């Protein structure tokens, strides 16, 4: 069973790469979708990123 964890393949905190590994997609696609969502939602994506950063455990 897969677990959602922050990835070691990180740019800032590994949140987007962790989601990409969990969903089995390229991390660049997840990062682009997240950036577009953040712009269109007037920064709400940044708040979601911070919450995910706090809640997602690090990969051991």
N, C-alpha and C. Protein backbone atom coordinates (compact mmCIF):
# COMPACT_ATOMS: atom_id res chain seq x y z
N UNK A 1 0.84 -1.17 0.00
CA UNK A 1 0.00 0.00 0.00
C UNK A 1 0.89 1.24 0.00
N UNK A 2 0.54 2.21 -0.85
CA UNK A 2 1.29 3.45 -0.93
C UNK A 2 0.90 4.38 0.21
N UNK A 3 1.88 5.16 0.66
CA UNK A 3 1.63 6.18 1.66
C UNK A 3 1.98 7.54 1.07
N UNK A 4 1.21 8.54 1.43
CA UNK A 4 1.47 9.89 0.97
C UNK A 4 2.50 10.52 1.90
N UNK A 5 3.72 10.72 1.38
CA UNK A 5 4.79 11.31 2.15
C UNK A 5 5.49 12.37 1.31
N UNK A 6 6.21 13.26 1.98
CA UNK A 6 7.01 14.25 1.25
C UNK A 6 8.19 13.54 0.61
N UNK A 7 8.51 13.92 -0.60
CA UNK A 7 9.55 13.26 -1.36
C UNK A 7 10.92 13.86 -1.08
N UNK A 8 11.95 13.07 -1.34
CA UNK A 8 13.31 13.59 -1.28
C UNK A 8 13.66 14.32 -2.57
N UNK A 9 12.88 14.13 -3.62
CA UNK A 9 13.01 14.84 -4.89
C UNK A 9 12.27 16.16 -4.74
N UNK A 10 12.91 17.12 -4.08
CA UNK A 10 12.18 18.32 -3.71
C UNK A 10 12.81 19.57 -4.29
N UNK A 11 11.97 20.59 -4.44
CA UNK A 11 12.44 21.92 -4.78
C UNK A 11 12.32 22.80 -3.53
N UNK A 12 11.18 22.78 -2.87
CA UNK A 12 11.01 23.54 -1.63
C UNK A 12 10.89 22.57 -0.45
N UNK A 13 9.82 21.81 -0.40
CA UNK A 13 9.62 20.92 0.74
C UNK A 13 9.30 19.49 0.33
N UNK A 14 9.12 19.23 -0.95
CA UNK A 14 8.82 17.88 -1.41
C UNK A 14 7.35 17.53 -1.44
N UNK A 15 6.48 18.52 -1.23
CA UNK A 15 5.04 18.26 -1.19
C UNK A 15 4.52 17.87 -2.58
N UNK A 16 4.81 18.66 -3.59
CA UNK A 16 4.31 18.36 -4.94
C UNK A 16 4.92 17.06 -5.46
N UNK A 17 6.19 16.84 -5.21
CA UNK A 17 6.82 15.59 -5.65
C UNK A 17 6.22 14.40 -4.91
N UNK A 18 5.86 14.58 -3.65
CA UNK A 18 5.21 13.51 -2.89
C UNK A 18 3.86 13.16 -3.48
N UNK A 19 3.06 14.18 -3.84
CA UNK A 19 1.78 13.93 -4.50
C UNK A 19 2.01 13.23 -5.84
N UNK A 20 3.03 13.66 -6.59
CA UNK A 20 3.32 13.06 -7.89
C UNK A 20 3.69 11.58 -7.76
N UNK A 21 4.52 11.27 -6.77
CA UNK A 21 4.89 9.87 -6.56
C UNK A 21 3.69 9.04 -6.14
N UNK A 22 2.83 9.61 -5.32
CA UNK A 22 1.63 8.89 -4.87
C UNK A 22 0.69 8.62 -6.03
N UNK A 23 0.57 9.61 -6.95
CA UNK A 23 -0.34 9.47 -8.09
C UNK A 23 0.33 8.84 -9.31
N UNK A 24 1.62 8.57 -9.24
CA UNK A 24 2.39 7.98 -10.34
C UNK A 24 2.40 8.86 -11.59
N UNK A 25 2.66 10.15 -11.40
CA UNK A 25 2.79 11.09 -12.52
C UNK A 25 4.09 11.86 -12.37
N UNK A 26 4.44 12.61 -13.40
CA UNK A 26 5.65 13.41 -13.39
C UNK A 26 5.50 14.58 -12.41
N UNK A 27 6.50 14.82 -11.54
CA UNK A 27 6.40 15.92 -10.58
C UNK A 27 6.24 17.30 -11.23
N UNK A 28 6.79 17.47 -12.42
CA UNK A 28 6.66 18.75 -13.11
C UNK A 28 5.21 19.07 -13.41
N UNK A 29 4.43 18.08 -13.78
CA UNK A 29 3.01 18.28 -14.06
C UNK A 29 2.28 18.73 -12.81
N UNK A 30 2.56 18.07 -11.69
CA UNK A 30 1.90 18.44 -10.43
C UNK A 30 2.31 19.87 -10.02
N UNK A 31 3.58 20.20 -10.19
CA UNK A 31 4.04 21.55 -9.84
C UNK A 31 3.37 22.61 -10.71
N UNK A 32 3.23 22.34 -12.00
CA UNK A 32 2.56 23.29 -12.90
C UNK A 32 1.09 23.46 -12.54
N UNK A 33 0.40 22.37 -12.29
CA UNK A 33 -1.01 22.44 -11.89
C UNK A 33 -1.15 23.22 -10.59
N UNK A 34 -0.26 22.97 -9.66
CA UNK A 34 -0.30 23.66 -8.38
C UNK A 34 -0.04 25.16 -8.55
N UNK A 35 0.93 25.52 -9.40
CA UNK A 35 1.23 26.93 -9.64
C UNK A 35 0.05 27.64 -10.30
N UNK A 36 -0.56 27.01 -11.28
CA UNK A 36 -1.72 27.60 -11.94
C UNK A 36 -2.87 27.76 -10.96
N UNK A 37 -3.11 26.74 -10.13
CA UNK A 37 -4.16 26.82 -9.13
C UNK A 37 -3.89 27.96 -8.14
N UNK A 38 -2.63 28.10 -7.74
CA UNK A 38 -2.27 29.16 -6.78
C UNK A 38 -2.52 30.55 -7.36
N UNK A 39 -2.22 30.73 -8.63
CA UNK A 39 -2.43 32.03 -9.27
C UNK A 39 -3.92 32.30 -9.42
N UNK A 40 -4.68 31.31 -9.89
CA UNK A 40 -6.10 31.51 -10.13
C UNK A 40 -6.91 31.65 -8.84
N UNK A 41 -6.42 31.07 -7.75
CA UNK A 41 -7.16 31.15 -6.49
C UNK A 41 -6.64 32.28 -5.59
N UNK A 42 -5.87 33.16 -6.16
CA UNK A 42 -5.33 34.33 -5.45
C UNK A 42 -4.57 33.93 -4.18
N UNK A 43 -3.73 32.92 -4.28
CA UNK A 43 -2.85 32.54 -3.19
C UNK A 43 -3.36 31.45 -2.28
N UNK A 44 -4.57 30.96 -2.49
CA UNK A 44 -5.10 29.90 -1.64
C UNK A 44 -4.23 28.64 -1.75
N UNK A 45 -3.63 28.44 -2.90
CA UNK A 45 -2.76 27.28 -3.09
C UNK A 45 -1.56 27.31 -2.16
N UNK A 46 -1.05 28.49 -1.87
CA UNK A 46 0.08 28.59 -0.95
C UNK A 46 -0.31 28.16 0.46
N UNK A 47 -1.50 28.51 0.87
CA UNK A 47 -1.99 28.08 2.17
C UNK A 47 -2.14 26.56 2.21
N UNK A 48 -2.67 25.99 1.15
CA UNK A 48 -2.82 24.53 1.06
C UNK A 48 -1.44 23.86 1.09
N UNK A 49 -0.47 24.45 0.39
CA UNK A 49 0.89 23.91 0.38
C UNK A 49 1.48 23.92 1.79
N UNK A 50 1.31 25.01 2.52
CA UNK A 50 1.85 25.10 3.88
C UNK A 50 1.21 24.07 4.80
N UNK A 51 -0.09 23.89 4.67
CA UNK A 51 -0.78 22.88 5.49
C UNK A 51 -0.28 21.49 5.14
N UNK A 52 -0.12 21.21 3.85
CA UNK A 52 0.38 19.89 3.44
C UNK A 52 1.81 19.68 3.93
N UNK A 53 2.61 20.74 3.92
CA UNK A 53 3.98 20.67 4.39
C UNK A 53 4.02 20.27 5.86
N UNK A 54 3.10 20.82 6.64
CA UNK A 54 3.05 20.52 8.07
C UNK A 54 2.50 19.12 8.32
N UNK A 55 1.48 18.72 7.58
CA UNK A 55 0.78 17.46 7.86
C UNK A 55 1.43 16.22 7.24
N UNK A 56 2.08 16.39 6.09
CA UNK A 56 2.67 15.22 5.40
C UNK A 56 3.97 14.80 6.09
N UNK A 57 4.10 13.53 6.45
CA UNK A 57 5.34 13.09 7.09
C UNK A 57 6.47 13.00 6.06
N UNK A 58 7.71 13.13 6.56
CA UNK A 58 8.88 12.96 5.70
C UNK A 58 9.05 11.49 5.38
N UNK A 59 9.60 11.25 4.22
CA UNK A 59 9.94 9.86 3.85
C UNK A 59 11.18 9.46 4.62
N UNK A 60 11.20 8.28 5.15
CA UNK A 60 12.34 7.80 5.94
C UNK A 60 13.44 7.29 5.09
